[in-house]
PDB file of all heavy atoms in Angstrom:
ATOM      1  N   LEU A   1       0.847  -1.151  -0.032  1.00  0.00           N
ATOM      2  CA  LEU A   1       0.018  -0.024   0.004  1.00  0.00           C
ATOM      3  C   LEU A   1       0.880   1.261   0.011  1.00  0.00           C
ATOM      4  O   LEU A   1       1.764   1.408   0.855  1.00  0.00           O
ATOM      5  CB  LEU A   1      -0.896   0.026   1.224  1.00  0.00           C
ATOM      6  CG  LEU A   1      -1.856   1.173   1.353  1.00  0.00           C
ATOM      7  CD1 LEU A   1      -2.918   1.145   0.203  1.00  0.00           C
ATOM      8  CD2 LEU A   1      -2.561   1.173   2.698  1.00  0.00           C
ATOM      9  N   VAL A   2       0.642   2.120  -0.952  1.00  0.00           N
ATOM     10  CA  VAL A   2       1.417   3.407  -1.029  1.00  0.00           C
ATOM     11  C   VAL A   2       0.376   4.566  -1.041  1.00  0.00           C
ATOM     12  O   VAL A   2      -0.787   4.380  -1.384  1.00  0.00           O
ATOM     13  CB  VAL A   2       2.283   3.402  -2.293  1.00  0.00           C
ATOM     14  CG1 VAL A   2       3.319   2.352  -2.243  1.00  0.00           C
ATOM     15  CG2 VAL A   2       1.466   3.364  -3.561  1.00  0.00           C
ATOM     16  N   THR A   3       0.825   5.690  -0.647  1.00  0.00           N
ATOM     17  CA  THR A   3      -0.052   6.821  -0.457  1.00  0.00           C
ATOM     18  C   THR A   3      -0.687   7.300  -1.769  1.00  0.00           C
ATOM     19  O   THR A   3      -1.789   7.887  -1.763  1.00  0.00           O
ATOM     20  CB  THR A   3       0.649   7.982   0.234  1.00  0.00           C
ATOM     21  OG1 THR A   3       1.863   8.296  -0.510  1.00  0.00           O
ATOM     22  CG2 THR A   3       1.035   7.630   1.657  1.00  0.00           C
ATOM     23  N   ASN A   4      -0.034   7.063  -2.867  1.00  0.00           N
ATOM     24  CA  ASN A   4      -0.566   7.535  -4.190  1.00  0.00           C
ATOM     25  C   ASN A   4      -0.922   6.350  -5.049  1.00  0.00           C
ATOM     26  O   ASN A   4      -0.761   6.408  -6.262  1.00  0.00           O
ATOM     27  CB  ASN A   4       0.439   8.448  -4.875  1.00  0.00           C
ATOM     28  CG  ASN A   4       1.698   7.673  -5.220  1.00  0.00           C
ATOM     29  OD1 ASN A   4       2.067   6.720  -4.583  1.00  0.00           O
ATOM     30  ND2 ASN A   4       2.414   8.204  -6.231  1.00  0.00           N
ATOM     31  N   ILE A   5      -1.416   5.311  -4.447  1.00  0.00           N
ATOM     32  CA  ILE A   5      -1.595   4.057  -5.218  1.00  0.00           C
ATOM     33  C   ILE A   5      -2.636   4.163  -6.320  1.00  0.00           C
ATOM     34  O   ILE A   5      -2.557   3.485  -7.318  1.00  0.00           O
ATOM     35  CB  ILE A   5      -2.017   2.914  -4.259  1.00  0.00           C
ATOM     36  CG1 ILE A   5      -1.861   1.562  -4.939  1.00  0.00           C
ATOM     37  CG2 ILE A   5      -3.422   3.112  -3.710  1.00  0.00           C
ATOM     38  CD1 ILE A   5      -1.847   0.379  -4.052  1.00  0.00           C
ATOM     39  N   SER A   6      -3.589   5.097  -6.228  1.00  0.00           N
ATOM     40  CA  SER A   6      -4.576   5.193  -7.264  1.00  0.00           C
ATOM     41  C   SER A   6      -4.000   5.859  -8.557  1.00  0.00           C
ATOM     42  O   SER A   6      -4.518   5.621  -9.646  1.00  0.00           O
ATOM     43  CB  SER A   6      -5.729   6.072  -6.796  1.00  0.00           C
ATOM     44  OG  SER A   6      -5.326   7.370  -6.547  1.00  0.00           O
ATOM     45  N   SER A   7      -2.939   6.586  -8.434  1.00  0.00           N
ATOM     46  CA  SER A   7      -2.242   7.241  -9.579  1.00  0.00           C
ATOM     47  C   SER A   7      -3.148   8.040 -10.470  1.00  0.00           C
ATOM     48  O   SER A   7      -2.893   8.263 -11.619  1.00  0.00           O
ATOM     49  CB  SER A   7      -1.534   6.157 -10.424  1.00  0.00           C
ATOM     50  OG  SER A   7      -0.620   5.397  -9.675  1.00  0.00           O
ATOM     51  N   GLY A   8      -4.270   8.502  -9.895  1.00  0.00           N
ATOM     52  CA  GLY A   8      -5.172   9.344 -10.662  1.00  0.00           C
ATOM     53  C   GLY A   8      -5.989   8.594 -11.719  1.00  0.00           C
ATOM     54  O   GLY A   8      -6.640   9.181 -12.578  1.00  0.00           O
ATOM     55  N   TYR A   9      -6.049   7.270 -11.611  1.00  0.00           N
ATOM     56  CA  TYR A   9      -6.729   6.456 -12.633  1.00  0.00           C
ATOM     57  C   TYR A   9      -8.260   6.769 -12.566  1.00  0.00           C
ATOM     58  O   TYR A   9      -8.894   6.737 -13.612  1.00  0.00           O
ATOM     59  CB  TYR A   9      -6.521   4.964 -12.347  1.00  0.00           C
ATOM     60  CG  TYR A   9      -5.103   4.501 -12.630  1.00  0.00           C
ATOM     61  CD1 TYR A   9      -4.525   3.538 -11.835  1.00  0.00           C
ATOM     62  CD2 TYR A   9      -4.402   5.040 -13.714  1.00  0.00           C
ATOM     63  CE1 TYR A   9      -3.206   3.123 -12.102  1.00  0.00           C
ATOM     64  CE2 TYR A   9      -3.091   4.593 -13.935  1.00  0.00           C
ATOM     65  CZ  TYR A   9      -2.489   3.604 -13.211  1.00  0.00           C
ATOM     66  OH  TYR A   9      -1.235   3.254 -13.447  1.00  0.00           O
ATOM     67  N   GLY A  10      -8.798   7.055 -11.410  1.00  0.00           N
ATOM     68  CA  GLY A  10     -10.191   7.351 -11.327  1.00  0.00           C
ATOM     69  C   GLY A  10     -10.521   8.624 -12.101  1.00  0.00           C
ATOM     70  O   GLY A  10     -11.565   8.634 -12.861  1.00  0.00           O
ATOM     71  N   PHE A  11      -9.729   9.685 -11.920  1.00  0.00           N
ATOM     72  CA  PHE A  11     -10.007  10.944 -12.619  1.00  0.00           C
ATOM     73  C   PHE A  11      -9.792  10.763 -14.175  1.00  0.00           C
ATOM     74  O   PHE A  11     -10.495  11.315 -14.963  1.00  0.00           O
ATOM     75  CB  PHE A  11      -9.144  12.026 -12.117  1.00  0.00           C
ATOM     76  CG  PHE A  11      -9.443  12.382 -10.668  1.00  0.00           C
ATOM     77  CD1 PHE A  11      -8.445  12.523  -9.742  1.00  0.00           C
ATOM     78  CD2 PHE A  11     -10.758  12.591 -10.275  1.00  0.00           C
ATOM     79  CE1 PHE A  11      -8.728  12.841  -8.414  1.00  0.00           C
ATOM     80  CE2 PHE A  11     -11.080  12.916  -8.962  1.00  0.00           C
ATOM     81  CZ  PHE A  11     -10.023  13.005  -8.006  1.00  0.00           C
ATOM     82  N   LEU A  12      -8.764   9.952 -14.532  1.00  0.00           N
ATOM     83  CA  LEU A  12      -8.561   9.705 -15.924  1.00  0.00           C
ATOM     84  C   LEU A  12      -9.744   8.920 -16.530  1.00  0.00           C
ATOM     85  O   LEU A  12     -10.098   9.174 -17.694  1.00  0.00           O
ATOM     86  CB  LEU A  12      -7.280   8.927 -16.148  1.00  0.00           C
ATOM     87  CG  LEU A  12      -5.951   9.708 -16.279  1.00  0.00           C
ATOM     88  CD1 LEU A  12      -4.809   8.780 -16.411  1.00  0.00           C
ATOM     89  CD2 LEU A  12      -6.017  10.711 -17.345  1.00  0.00           C
ATOM     90  N   GLY A  13     -10.306   8.016 -15.692  1.00  0.00           N
ATOM     91  CA  GLY A  13     -11.484   7.261 -16.148  1.00  0.00           C
ATOM     92  C   GLY A  13     -12.620   8.171 -16.491  1.00  0.00           C
ATOM     93  O   GLY A  13     -13.369   7.917 -17.435  1.00  0.00           O
ATOM     94  N   ILE A  14     -12.806   9.289 -15.784  1.00  0.00           N
ATOM     95  CA  ILE A  14     -13.878  10.207 -16.042  1.00  0.00           C
ATOM     96  C   ILE A  14     -13.668  10.840 -17.438  1.00  0.00           C
ATOM     97  O   ILE A  14     -14.580  10.957 -18.193  1.00  0.00           O
ATOM     98  CB  ILE A  14     -13.917  11.325 -14.948  1.00  0.00           C
ATOM     99  CG1 ILE A  14     -14.326  10.698 -13.610  1.00  0.00           C
ATOM    100  CG2 ILE A  14     -14.917  12.409 -15.341  1.00  0.00           C
ATOM    101  CD1 ILE A  14     -14.255  11.671 -12.472  1.00  0.00           C
ATOM    102  N   LEU A  15     -12.399  11.259 -17.716  1.00  0.00           N
ATOM    103  CA  LEU A  15     -12.121  11.791 -19.048  1.00  0.00           C
ATOM    104  C   LEU A  15     -12.387  10.734 -20.168  1.00  0.00           C
ATOM    105  O   LEU A  15     -12.934  11.117 -21.244  1.00  0.00           O
ATOM    106  CB  LEU A  15     -10.660  12.232 -19.135  1.00  0.00           C
ATOM    107  CG  LEU A  15     -10.242  13.291 -18.108  1.00  0.00           C
ATOM    108  CD1 LEU A  15      -8.804  13.699 -18.382  1.00  0.00           C
ATOM    109  CD2 LEU A  15     -11.133  14.479 -18.131  1.00  0.00           C
ATOM    110  N   ILE A  16     -12.024   9.517 -19.885  1.00  0.00           N
ATOM    111  CA  ILE A  16     -12.203   8.500 -20.937  1.00  0.00           C
ATOM    112  C   ILE A  16     -13.702   8.263 -21.213  1.00  0.00           C
ATOM    113  O   ILE A  16     -14.116   8.163 -22.373  1.00  0.00           O
ATOM    114  CB  ILE A  16     -11.594   7.151 -20.425  1.00  0.00           C
ATOM    115  CG1 ILE A  16     -10.047   7.285 -20.444  1.00  0.00           C
ATOM    116  CG2 ILE A  16     -11.992   5.988 -21.320  1.00  0.00           C
ATOM    117  CD1 ILE A  16      -9.308   6.151 -19.774  1.00  0.00           C
ATOM    118  N   VAL A  17     -14.526   8.211 -20.125  1.00  0.00           N
ATOM    119  CA  VAL A  17     -15.941   8.032 -20.348  1.00  0.00           C
ATOM    120  C   VAL A  17     -16.544   9.197 -21.127  1.00  0.00           C
ATOM    121  O   VAL A  17     -17.415   9.053 -22.000  1.00  0.00           O
ATOM    122  CB  VAL A  17     -16.683   7.884 -18.986  1.00  0.00           C
ATOM    123  CG1 VAL A  17     -18.180   7.853 -19.159  1.00  0.00           C
ATOM    124  CG2 VAL A  17     -16.207   6.598 -18.285  1.00  0.00           C
ATOM    125  N   LEU A  18     -16.119  10.425 -20.822  1.00  0.00           N
ATOM    126  CA  LEU A  18     -16.570  11.623 -21.576  1.00  0.00           C
ATOM    127  C   LEU A  18     -16.198  11.470 -23.091  1.00  0.00           C
ATOM    128  O   LEU A  18     -17.030  11.758 -23.934  1.00  0.00           O
ATOM    129  CB  LEU A  18     -15.990  12.893 -21.033  1.00  0.00           C
ATOM    130  CG  LEU A  18     -16.501  13.312 -19.622  1.00  0.00           C
ATOM    131  CD1 LEU A  18     -15.744  14.528 -19.170  1.00  0.00           C
ATOM    132  CD2 LEU A  18     -18.008  13.639 -19.710  1.00  0.00           C
ATOM    133  N   LEU A  19     -15.022  10.999 -23.336  1.00  0.00           N
ATOM    134  CA  LEU A  19     -14.574  10.872 -24.740  1.00  0.00           C
ATOM    135  C   LEU A  19     -15.344   9.753 -25.470  1.00  0.00           C
ATOM    136  O   LEU A  19     -15.491   9.789 -26.673  1.00  0.00           O
ATOM    137  CB  LEU A  19     -13.069  10.608 -24.794  1.00  0.00           C
ATOM    138  CG  LEU A  19     -12.161  11.734 -24.532  1.00  0.00           C
ATOM    139  CD1 LEU A  19     -10.676  11.321 -24.541  1.00  0.00           C
ATOM    140  CD2 LEU A  19     -12.350  12.842 -25.583  1.00  0.00           C
ATOM    141  N   THR A  20     -15.804   8.729 -24.761  1.00  0.00           N
ATOM    142  CA  THR A  20     -16.525   7.685 -25.406  1.00  0.00           C
ATOM    143  C   THR A  20     -17.909   8.076 -25.804  1.00  0.00           C
ATOM    144  O   THR A  20     -18.570   7.416 -26.584  1.00  0.00           O
ATOM    145  CB  THR A  20     -16.680   6.451 -24.516  1.00  0.00           C
ATOM    146  OG1 THR A  20     -17.468   6.805 -23.356  1.00  0.00           O
ATOM    147  CG2 THR A  20     -15.329   5.919 -24.055  1.00  0.00           C
ATOM    148  N   GLY A  21     -18.372   9.236 -25.336  1.00  0.00           N
ATOM    149  CA  GLY A  21     -19.771   9.627 -25.505  1.00  0.00           C
ATOM    150  C   GLY A  21     -20.707   8.658 -24.872  1.00  0.00           C
ATOM    151  O   GLY A  21     -21.827   8.488 -25.358  1.00  0.00           O
ATOM    152  N   PHE A  22     -20.230   8.030 -23.748  1.00  0.00           N
ATOM    153  CA  PHE A  22     -21.042   7.080 -23.023  1.00  0.00           C
ATOM    154  C   PHE A  22     -21.386   5.797 -23.780  1.00  0.00           C
ATOM    155  O   PHE A  22     -22.404   5.164 -23.578  1.00  0.00           O
ATOM    156  CB  PHE A  22     -22.341   7.705 -22.479  1.00  0.00           C
ATOM    157  CG  PHE A  22     -22.116   9.020 -21.801  1.00  0.00           C
ATOM    158  CD1 PHE A  22     -22.592  10.205 -22.316  1.00  0.00           C
ATOM    159  CD2 PHE A  22     -21.397   9.100 -20.553  1.00  0.00           C
ATOM    160  CE1 PHE A  22     -22.363  11.442 -21.692  1.00  0.00           C
ATOM    161  CE2 PHE A  22     -21.199  10.287 -19.968  1.00  0.00           C
ATOM    162  CZ  PHE A  22     -21.662  11.480 -20.525  1.00  0.00           C
ATOM    163  N   ARG A  23     -20.436   5.446 -24.686  1.00  0.00           N
ATOM    164  CA  ARG A  23     -20.595   4.185 -25.446  1.00  0.00           C
ATOM    165  C   ARG A  23     -19.591   3.164 -24.967  1.00  0.00           C
ATOM    166  O   ARG A  23     -18.390   3.406 -25.032  1.00  0.00           O
ATOM    167  CB  ARG A  23     -20.390   4.464 -26.941  1.00  0.00           C
ATOM    168  CG  ARG A  23     -21.478   5.354 -27.541  1.00  0.00           C
ATOM    169  CD  ARG A  23     -21.343   5.432 -29.044  1.00  0.00           C
ATOM    170  NE  ARG A  23     -20.154   6.169 -29.453  1.00  0.00           N
ATOM    171  CZ  ARG A  23     -20.126   7.501 -29.702  1.00  0.00           C
ATOM    172  NH1 ARG A  23     -21.269   8.258 -29.498  1.00  0.00           N
ATOM    173  NH2 ARG A  23     -19.031   8.129 -30.035  1.00  0.00           N
ATOM    174  N   GLY A  24     -20.095   2.056 -24.463  1.00  0.00           N
ATOM    175  CA  GLY A  24     -19.216   1.046 -23.854  1.00  0.00           C
ATOM    176  C   GLY A  24     -18.261   0.415 -24.830  1.00  0.00           C
ATOM    177  O   GLY A  24     -17.157  -0.010 -24.404  1.00  0.00           O
ATOM    178  N   ALA A  25     -18.582   0.380 -26.125  1.00  0.00           N
ATOM    179  CA  ALA A  25     -17.737  -0.276 -27.089  1.00  0.00           C
ATOM    180  C   ALA A  25     -16.401   0.490 -27.261  1.00  0.00           C
ATOM    181  O   ALA A  25     -15.404  -0.045 -27.746  1.00  0.00           O
ATOM    182  CB  ALA A  25     -18.434  -0.378 -28.431  1.00  0.00           C
ATOM    183  N   LEU A  26     -16.357   1.778 -26.862  1.00  0.00           N
ATOM    184  CA  LEU A  26     -15.158   2.609 -27.061  1.00  0.00           C
ATOM    185  C   LEU A  26     -14.312   2.660 -25.798  1.00  0.00           C
ATOM    186  O   LEU A  26     -13.218   3.253 -25.816  1.00  0.00           O
ATOM    187  CB  LEU A  26     -15.581   4.049 -27.446  1.00  0.00           C
ATOM    188  CG  LEU A  26     -16.340   4.168 -28.767  1.00  0.00           C
ATOM    189  CD1 LEU A  26     -16.677   5.641 -29.031  1.00  0.00           C
ATOM    190  CD2 LEU A  26     -15.501   3.591 -29.914  1.00  0.00           C
TER     191      LEU A  26
END
């Protein structure tokens, strides 16, 4: 366990979902 273990993946995931236009295939 490290203090920055998430590495911002959650916030990057938000950007990815926005770019997909809410389409799961992308």
